[in-house]
């Protein structure tokens, strides 16, 4: 795409969003353009992500924007840029909520696992538990991250901590941790992989 065609495309977007600023699909389509050949690339996309976040304060849309932004940074392979987005995402997420709140944390843990950053995995895992102190799945995701880095002693310690904390606050609220750890032990005994993508409920 020529520079003139790209400029025309941007002018079309600005005109369309000025006329219909609440149309999320317009922003999403233009984001795809910026990230494809002929668009402005990641720098232009980053600027557009910022504008989109400012234009749509709705938590569900904000979460979707961060998910898209995180995906773009991962494909680009910019470790520092990706980490900055993930850090921003989890700071903005509701605490103690459901799946909407934890998706960013899960991606953040996976990111640090893939980069082999043990200390960072610990920091993100502890922050996750602080944000979701009564969520069994938060403990499980932290265990998964430690297991993926072969930190099995630490993983079991986190699981024990979760069982103790959750059963103290709400008896019987720790069943998911027990279920997960049982399968985890079987996998270890069979010398099967505990990689992040392998140690899931679907593949246990």
C-alpha atoms as a PDB file:
ATOM      1  CA  UNK A   1       0.000   0.000   0.000  1.00  0.00           C
ATOM      2  CA  UNK A   2       1.340   3.404  -0.965  1.00  0.00           C
ATOM      3  CA  UNK A   3       1.809   6.242   1.546  1.00  0.00           C
ATOM      4  CA  UNK A   4      -1.078   8.090  -0.115  1.00  0.00           C
ATOM      5  CA  UNK A   5      -3.394   5.105   0.243  1.00  0.00           C
ATOM      6  CA  UNK A   6      -2.405   4.656   3.885  1.00  0.00           C
ATOM      7  CA  UNK A   7      -3.044   8.343   4.576  1.00  0.00           C
ATOM      8  CA  UNK A   8      -6.459   8.073   2.917  1.00  0.00           C
ATOM      9  CA  UNK A   9      -7.262   5.052   5.061  1.00  0.00           C
ATOM     10  CA  UNK A  10      -6.376   6.971   8.226  1.00  0.00           C
ATOM     11  CA  UNK A  11      -8.415   9.975   7.145  1.00  0.00           C
ATOM     12  CA  UNK A  12     -11.371   7.663   6.518  1.00  0.00           C
ATOM     13  CA  UNK A  13     -10.998   6.199  10.010  1.00  0.00           C
ATOM     14  CA  UNK A  14     -10.815   9.617  11.680  1.00  0.00           C
ATOM     15  CA  UNK A  15     -13.914  10.767   9.822  1.00  0.00           C
ATOM     16  CA  UNK A  16     -15.868   7.615  10.623  1.00  0.00           C
ATOM     17  CA  UNK A  17     -15.018   7.632  14.335  1.00  0.00           C
ATOM     18  CA  UNK A  18     -15.796  11.341  14.600  1.00  0.00           C
ATOM     19  CA  UNK A  19     -19.259  10.606  13.234  1.00  0.00           C
ATOM     20  CA  UNK A  20     -19.741   7.436  15.309  1.00  0.00           C
ATOM     21  CA  UNK A  21     -17.266   7.508  18.234  1.00  0.00           C
ATOM     22  CA  UNK A  22     -18.911   4.623  20.086  1.00  0.00           C
ATOM     23  CA  UNK A  23     -18.542   2.119  17.239  1.00  0.00           C
ATOM     24  CA  UNK A  24     -15.990  -0.373  18.599  1.00  0.00           C
ATOM     25  CA  UNK A  25     -15.845  -2.278  15.296  1.00  0.00           C
ATOM     26  CA  UNK A  26     -14.408   0.773  13.524  1.00  0.00           C
ATOM     27  CA  UNK A  27     -11.515   0.885  15.986  1.00  0.00           C
ATOM     28  CA  UNK A  28     -10.932  -2.871  15.747  1.00  0.00           C
ATOM     29  CA  UNK A  29     -10.870  -2.832  11.932  1.00  0.00           C
ATOM     30  CA  UNK A  30      -8.425   0.048  11.842  1.00  0.00           C
ATOM     31  CA  UNK A  31      -6.216  -1.669  14.387  1.00  0.00           C
ATOM     32  CA  UNK A  32      -5.972  -4.633  12.044  1.00  0.00           C
ATOM     33  CA  UNK A  33      -4.945  -2.253   9.271  1.00  0.00           C
ATOM     34  CA  UNK A  34      -2.173  -0.653  11.365  1.00  0.00           C
ATOM     35  CA  UNK A  35      -0.744  -4.064  12.269  1.00  0.00           C
ATOM     36  CA  UNK A  36      -0.781  -5.415   8.706  1.00  0.00           C
ATOM     37  CA  UNK A  37       1.598  -4.601   5.875  1.00  0.00           C
ATOM     38  CA  UNK A  38       0.810  -1.144   4.658  1.00  0.00           C
ATOM     39  CA  UNK A  39      -0.157   0.154   8.089  1.00  0.00           C
ATOM     40  CA  UNK A  40       2.036   2.031  10.490  1.00  0.00           C
ATOM     41  CA  UNK A  41       3.274  -1.052  12.319  1.00  0.00           C
ATOM     42  CA  UNK A  42       3.580  -1.566  16.048  1.00  0.00           C
ATOM     43  CA  UNK A  43       4.315   2.068  16.938  1.00  0.00           C
ATOM     44  CA  UNK A  44       1.169   3.260  15.193  1.00  0.00           C
ATOM     45  CA  UNK A  45      -0.744   0.376  16.746  1.00  0.00           C
ATOM     46  CA  UNK A  46       0.505   1.283  20.235  1.00  0.00           C
ATOM     47  CA  UNK A  47      -0.702   4.835  19.776  1.00  0.00           C
ATOM     48  CA  UNK A  48      -4.075   3.562  18.591  1.00  0.00           C
ATOM     49  CA  UNK A  49      -4.359   1.174  21.551  1.00  0.00           C
ATOM     50  CA  UNK A  50      -3.815   4.146  23.855  1.00  0.00           C
ATOM     51  CA  UNK A  51      -6.513   6.113  22.079  1.00  0.00           C
ATOM     52  CA  UNK A  52      -8.896   3.155  22.201  1.00  0.00           C
ATOM     53  CA  UNK A  53      -8.421   2.748  25.956  1.00  0.00           C
ATOM     54  CA  UNK A  54      -9.149   6.443  26.437  1.00  0.00           C
ATOM     55  CA  UNK A  55     -12.236   6.284  24.212  1.00  0.00           C
ATOM     56  CA  UNK A  56     -13.810   3.187  25.815  1.00  0.00           C
ATOM     57  CA  UNK A  57     -13.621   3.093  29.631  1.00  0.00           C
ATOM     58  CA  UNK A  58     -15.942   0.084  29.818  1.00  0.00           C
ATOM     59  CA  UNK A  59     -14.060  -2.711  31.704  1.00  0.00           C
ATOM     60  CA  UNK A  60     -15.061  -5.450  29.262  1.00  0.00           C
ATOM     61  CA  UNK A  61     -13.856  -3.449  26.253  1.00  0.00           C
ATOM     62  CA  UNK A  62     -10.717  -2.379  28.101  1.00  0.00           C
ATOM     63  CA  UNK A  63      -9.937  -6.007  28.866  1.00  0.00           C
ATOM     64  CA  UNK A  64     -10.410  -6.910  25.205  1.00  0.00           C
ATOM     65  CA  UNK A  65      -8.094  -4.085  24.119  1.00  0.00           C
ATOM     66  CA  UNK A  66      -5.366  -5.232  26.472  1.00  0.00           C
ATOM     67  CA  UNK A  67      -5.782  -8.816  25.279  1.00  0.00           C
ATOM     68  CA  UNK A  68      -5.350  -7.675  21.663  1.00  0.00           C
ATOM     69  CA  UNK A  69      -2.410  -5.446  22.571  1.00  0.00           C
ATOM     70  CA  UNK A  70      -0.708  -8.251  24.487  1.00  0.00           C
ATOM     71  CA  UNK A  71      -1.152 -10.581  21.507  1.00  0.00           C
ATOM     72  CA  UNK A  72       0.368  -7.996  19.150  1.00  0.00           C
ATOM     73  CA  UNK A  73       3.384  -7.464  21.421  1.00  0.00           C
ATOM     74  CA  UNK A  74       3.908 -11.214  21.741  1.00  0.00           C
ATOM     75  CA  UNK A  75       3.942 -11.625  17.962  1.00  0.00           C
ATOM     76  CA  UNK A  76       6.385  -8.737  17.660  1.00  0.00           C
ATOM     77  CA  UNK A  77       8.707 -10.387  20.169  1.00  0.00           C
ATOM     78  CA  UNK A  78       9.479  -7.200  22.089  1.00  0.00           C
ATOM     79  CA  UNK A  79       9.956  -8.598  25.616  1.00  0.00           C
ATOM     80  CA  UNK A  80      10.110  -5.241  27.381  1.00  0.00           C
ATOM     81  CA  UNK A  81       7.161  -3.839  25.431  1.00  0.00           C
ATOM     82  CA  UNK A  82       5.092  -6.936  26.110  1.00  0.00           C
ATOM     83  CA  UNK A  83       5.905  -6.844  29.820  1.00  0.00           C
ATOM     84  CA  UNK A  84       4.908  -3.181  30.060  1.00  0.00           C
ATOM     85  CA  UNK A  85       1.515  -3.941  28.538  1.00  0.00           C
ATOM     86  CA  UNK A  86       0.937  -6.900  30.846  1.00  0.00           C
ATOM     87  CA  UNK A  87       1.910  -4.870  33.904  1.00  0.00           C
ATOM     88  CA  UNK A  88      -0.543  -2.150  32.914  1.00  0.00           C
ATOM     89  CA  UNK A  89      -3.258  -4.703  32.198  1.00  0.00           C
ATOM     90  CA  UNK A  90      -3.157  -6.396  35.582  1.00  0.00           C
ATOM     91  CA  UNK A  91      -3.028  -3.062  37.418  1.00  0.00           C
ATOM     92  CA  UNK A  92      -6.296  -2.124  35.738  1.00  0.00           C
ATOM     93  CA  UNK A  93      -8.107  -5.407  36.339  1.00  0.00           C
ATOM     94  CA  UNK A  94     -10.854  -5.771  38.944  1.00  0.00           C
ATOM     95  CA  UNK A  95      -9.719  -7.570  42.068  1.00  0.00           C
ATOM     96  CA  UNK A  96     -11.507 -10.618  43.350  1.00  0.00           C
ATOM     97  CA  UNK A  97     -13.663 -10.925  40.235  1.00  0.00           C
ATOM     98  CA  UNK A  98     -14.189 -13.830  37.885  1.00  0.00           C
ATOM     99  CA  UNK A  99     -12.505 -14.981  34.690  1.00  0.00           C
ATOM    100  CA  UNK A 100     -12.421 -11.486  33.205  1.00  0.00           C
ATOM    101  CA  UNK A 101     -10.060 -10.378  35.945  1.00  0.00           C
ATOM    102  CA  UNK A 102      -7.740 -13.367  35.820  1.00  0.00           C
ATOM    103  CA  UNK A 103      -7.059 -13.609  32.072  1.00  0.00           C
ATOM    104  CA  UNK A 104      -4.453 -10.863  32.174  1.00  0.00           C
ATOM    105  CA  UNK A 105      -2.767 -12.448  35.178  1.00  0.00           C
ATOM    106  CA  UNK A 106      -2.681 -15.826  33.452  1.00  0.00           C
ATOM    107  CA  UNK A 107      -1.055 -14.292  30.379  1.00  0.00           C
ATOM    108  CA  UNK A 108       1.425 -12.443  32.587  1.00  0.00           C
ATOM    109  CA  UNK A 109       2.446 -15.668  34.369  1.00  0.00           C
ATOM    110  CA  UNK A 110       2.783 -17.513  31.070  1.00  0.00           C
ATOM    111  CA  UNK A 111       4.900 -14.679  29.672  1.00  0.00           C
ATOM    112  CA  UNK A 112       7.357 -14.836  32.576  1.00  0.00           C
ATOM    113  CA  UNK A 113       7.438 -18.640  32.405  1.00  0.00           C
ATOM    114  CA  UNK A 114       8.326 -18.499  28.713  1.00  0.00           C
ATOM    115  CA  UNK A 115      11.118 -16.060  29.536  1.00  0.00           C
ATOM    116  CA  UNK A 116      12.396 -18.316  32.325  1.00  0.00           C
ATOM    117  CA  UNK A 117      12.176 -15.543  34.885  1.00  0.00           C
ATOM    118  CA  UNK A 118      11.802 -17.378  38.219  1.00  0.00           C
ATOM    119  CA  UNK A 119      11.905 -14.267  40.396  1.00  0.00           C
ATOM    120  CA  UNK A 120       9.405 -12.530  38.163  1.00  0.00           C
ATOM    121  CA  UNK A 121       7.125 -15.584  38.214  1.00  0.00           C
ATOM    122  CA  UNK A 122       7.201 -15.455  42.008  1.00  0.00           C
ATOM    123  CA  UNK A 123       6.430 -11.739  42.022  1.00  0.00           C
ATOM    124  CA  UNK A 124       3.521 -12.092  39.593  1.00  0.00           C
ATOM    125  CA  UNK A 125       2.203 -15.173  41.386  1.00  0.00           C
ATOM    126  CA  UNK A 126       2.216 -13.452  44.761  1.00  0.00           C
ATOM    127  CA  UNK A 127       0.517 -10.396  43.290  1.00  0.00           C
ATOM    128  CA  UNK A 128      -2.106 -12.666  41.725  1.00  0.00           C
ATOM    129  CA  UNK A 129      -2.884 -14.254  45.102  1.00  0.00           C
ATOM    130  CA  UNK A 130      -3.120 -10.825  46.670  1.00  0.00           C
ATOM    131  CA  UNK A 131      -5.598  -9.775  43.989  1.00  0.00           C
ATOM    132  CA  UNK A 132      -7.602 -13.036  44.238  1.00  0.00           C
ATOM    133  CA  UNK A 133      -7.075 -14.341  47.789  1.00  0.00           C
ATOM    134  CA  UNK A 134     -10.123 -16.615  47.733  1.00  0.00           C
ATOM    135  CA  UNK A 135      -9.735 -18.073  44.257  1.00  0.00           C
ATOM    136  CA  UNK A 136      -8.564 -21.691  43.989  1.00  0.00           C
ATOM    137  CA  UNK A 137      -7.731 -21.259  40.321  1.00  0.00           C
ATOM    138  CA  UNK A 138      -5.360 -18.420  41.155  1.00  0.00           C
ATOM    139  CA  UNK A 139      -3.373 -20.798  43.333  1.00  0.00           C
ATOM    140  CA  UNK A 140      -3.467 -23.446  40.608  1.00  0.00           C
ATOM    141  CA  UNK A 141      -2.138 -21.047  37.980  1.00  0.00           C
ATOM    142  CA  UNK A 142       0.701 -20.045  40.293  1.00  0.00           C
ATOM    143  CA  UNK A 143       1.496 -23.734  40.885  1.00  0.00           C
ATOM    144  CA  UNK A 144       1.431 -24.356  37.111  1.00  0.00           C
ATOM    145  CA  UNK A 145       3.935 -21.551  36.569  1.00  0.00           C
ATOM    146  CA  UNK A 146       6.370 -22.843  39.193  1.00  0.00           C
ATOM    147  CA  UNK A 147       5.997 -26.420  37.945  1.00  0.00           C
ATOM    148  CA  UNK A 148       6.751 -25.296  34.395  1.00  0.00           C
ATOM    149  CA  UNK A 149      10.115 -24.022  35.657  1.00  0.00           C
ATOM    150  CA  UNK A 150      10.682 -27.301  37.562  1.00  0.00           C
ATOM    151  CA  UNK A 151      10.300 -25.522  40.901  1.00  0.00           C
ATOM    152  CA  UNK A 152       8.338 -28.455  42.265  1.00  0.00           C
ATOM    153  CA  UNK A 153       9.108 -27.937  45.967  1.00  0.00           C
ATOM    154  CA  UNK A 154       7.900 -24.344  45.710  1.00  0.00           C
ATOM    155  CA  UNK A 155       4.868 -25.439  43.720  1.00  0.00           C
ATOM    156  CA  UNK A 156       3.810 -27.871  46.434  1.00  0.00           C
ATOM    157  CA  UNK A 157       4.386 -25.220  49.096  1.00  0.00           C
ATOM    158  CA  UNK A 158       2.064 -22.821  47.278  1.00  0.00           C
ATOM    159  CA  UNK A 159      -0.569 -25.549  46.981  1.00  0.00           C
ATOM    160  CA  UNK A 160      -0.321 -26.324  50.708  1.00  0.00           C
ATOM    161  CA  UNK A 161      -0.612 -22.656  51.473  1.00  0.00           C
ATOM    162  CA  UNK A 162      -3.702 -22.412  49.312  1.00  0.00           C
ATOM    163  CA  UNK A 163      -5.374 -25.383  50.968  1.00  0.00           C
ATOM    164  CA  UNK A 164      -4.654 -23.994  54.416  1.00  0.00           C
ATOM    165  CA  UNK A 165      -5.802 -20.476  53.592  1.00  0.00           C
ATOM    166  CA  UNK A 166      -8.927 -21.420  51.683  1.00  0.00           C
ATOM    167  CA  UNK A 167     -10.083 -24.128  54.103  1.00  0.00           C
ATOM    168  CA  UNK A 168      -9.551 -21.738  56.979  1.00  0.00           C
ATOM    169  CA  UNK A 169     -11.816 -19.148  55.409  1.00  0.00           C
ATOM    170  CA  UNK A 170     -14.339 -21.456  53.807  1.00  0.00           C
ATOM    171  CA  UNK A 171     -14.321 -25.173  54.527  1.00  0.00           C
ATOM    172  CA  UNK A 172     -14.361 -27.301  51.379  1.00  0.00           C
ATOM    173  CA  UNK A 173     -13.405 -24.389  49.136  1.00  0.00           C
ATOM    174  CA  UNK A 174     -10.065 -25.983  48.229  1.00  0.00           C
ATOM    175  CA  UNK A 175     -11.286 -28.967  46.186  1.00  0.00           C
ATOM    176  CA  UNK A 176      -9.874 -27.693  42.881  1.00  0.00           C
ATOM    177  CA  UNK A 177      -6.389 -27.492  44.378  1.00  0.00           C
ATOM    178  CA  UNK A 178      -6.651 -31.063  45.693  1.00  0.00           C
ATOM    179  CA  UNK A 179      -7.879 -32.305  42.322  1.00  0.00           C
ATOM    180  CA  UNK A 180      -5.133 -30.508  40.436  1.00  0.00           C
ATOM    181  CA  UNK A 181      -2.337 -31.612  42.744  1.00  0.00           C
ATOM    182  CA  UNK A 182      -3.429 -35.245  42.588  1.00  0.00           C
ATOM    183  CA  UNK A 183      -3.103 -35.182  38.806  1.00  0.00           C
ATOM    184  CA  UNK A 184       0.137 -33.219  39.061  1.00  0.00           C
ATOM    185  CA  UNK A 185       1.682 -35.894  41.329  1.00  0.00           C
ATOM    186  CA  UNK A 186       0.652 -38.628  38.899  1.00  0.00           C
ATOM    187  CA  UNK A 187       2.302 -36.726  36.065  1.00  0.00           C
ATOM    188  CA  UNK A 188       5.537 -36.360  38.041  1.00  0.00           C
ATOM    189  CA  UNK A 189       5.607 -40.051  38.943  1.00  0.00           C
ATOM    190  CA  UNK A 190       5.123 -40.956  35.296  1.00  0.00           C
ATOM    191  CA  UNK A 191       7.918 -38.514  34.340  1.00  0.00           C
ATOM    192  CA  UNK A 192       5.584 -36.596  32.067  1.00  0.00           C
ATOM    193  CA  UNK A 193       6.054 -32.959  31.120  1.00  0.00           C
ATOM    194  CA  UNK A 194       5.005 -30.188  33.483  1.00  0.00           C
ATOM    195  CA  UNK A 195       5.416 -27.439  30.886  1.00  0.00           C
ATOM    196  CA  UNK A 196       2.913 -24.590  31.169  1.00  0.00           C
ATOM    197  CA  UNK A 197       0.930 -25.677  28.119  1.00  0.00           C
ATOM    198  CA  UNK A 198       0.932 -29.327  29.195  1.00  0.00           C
ATOM    199  CA  UNK A 199       0.021 -28.998  32.863  1.00  0.00           C
ATOM    200  CA  UNK A 200      -3.615 -28.029  32.362  1.00  0.00           C
ATOM    201  CA  UNK A 201      -6.944 -29.503  33.402  1.00  0.00           C
ATOM    202  CA  UNK A 202      -7.594 -30.612  29.834  1.00  0.00           C
ATOM    203  CA  UNK A 203      -4.341 -32.559  29.497  1.00  0.00           C
ATOM    204  CA  UNK A 204      -3.864 -33.963  32.988  1.00  0.00           C
END
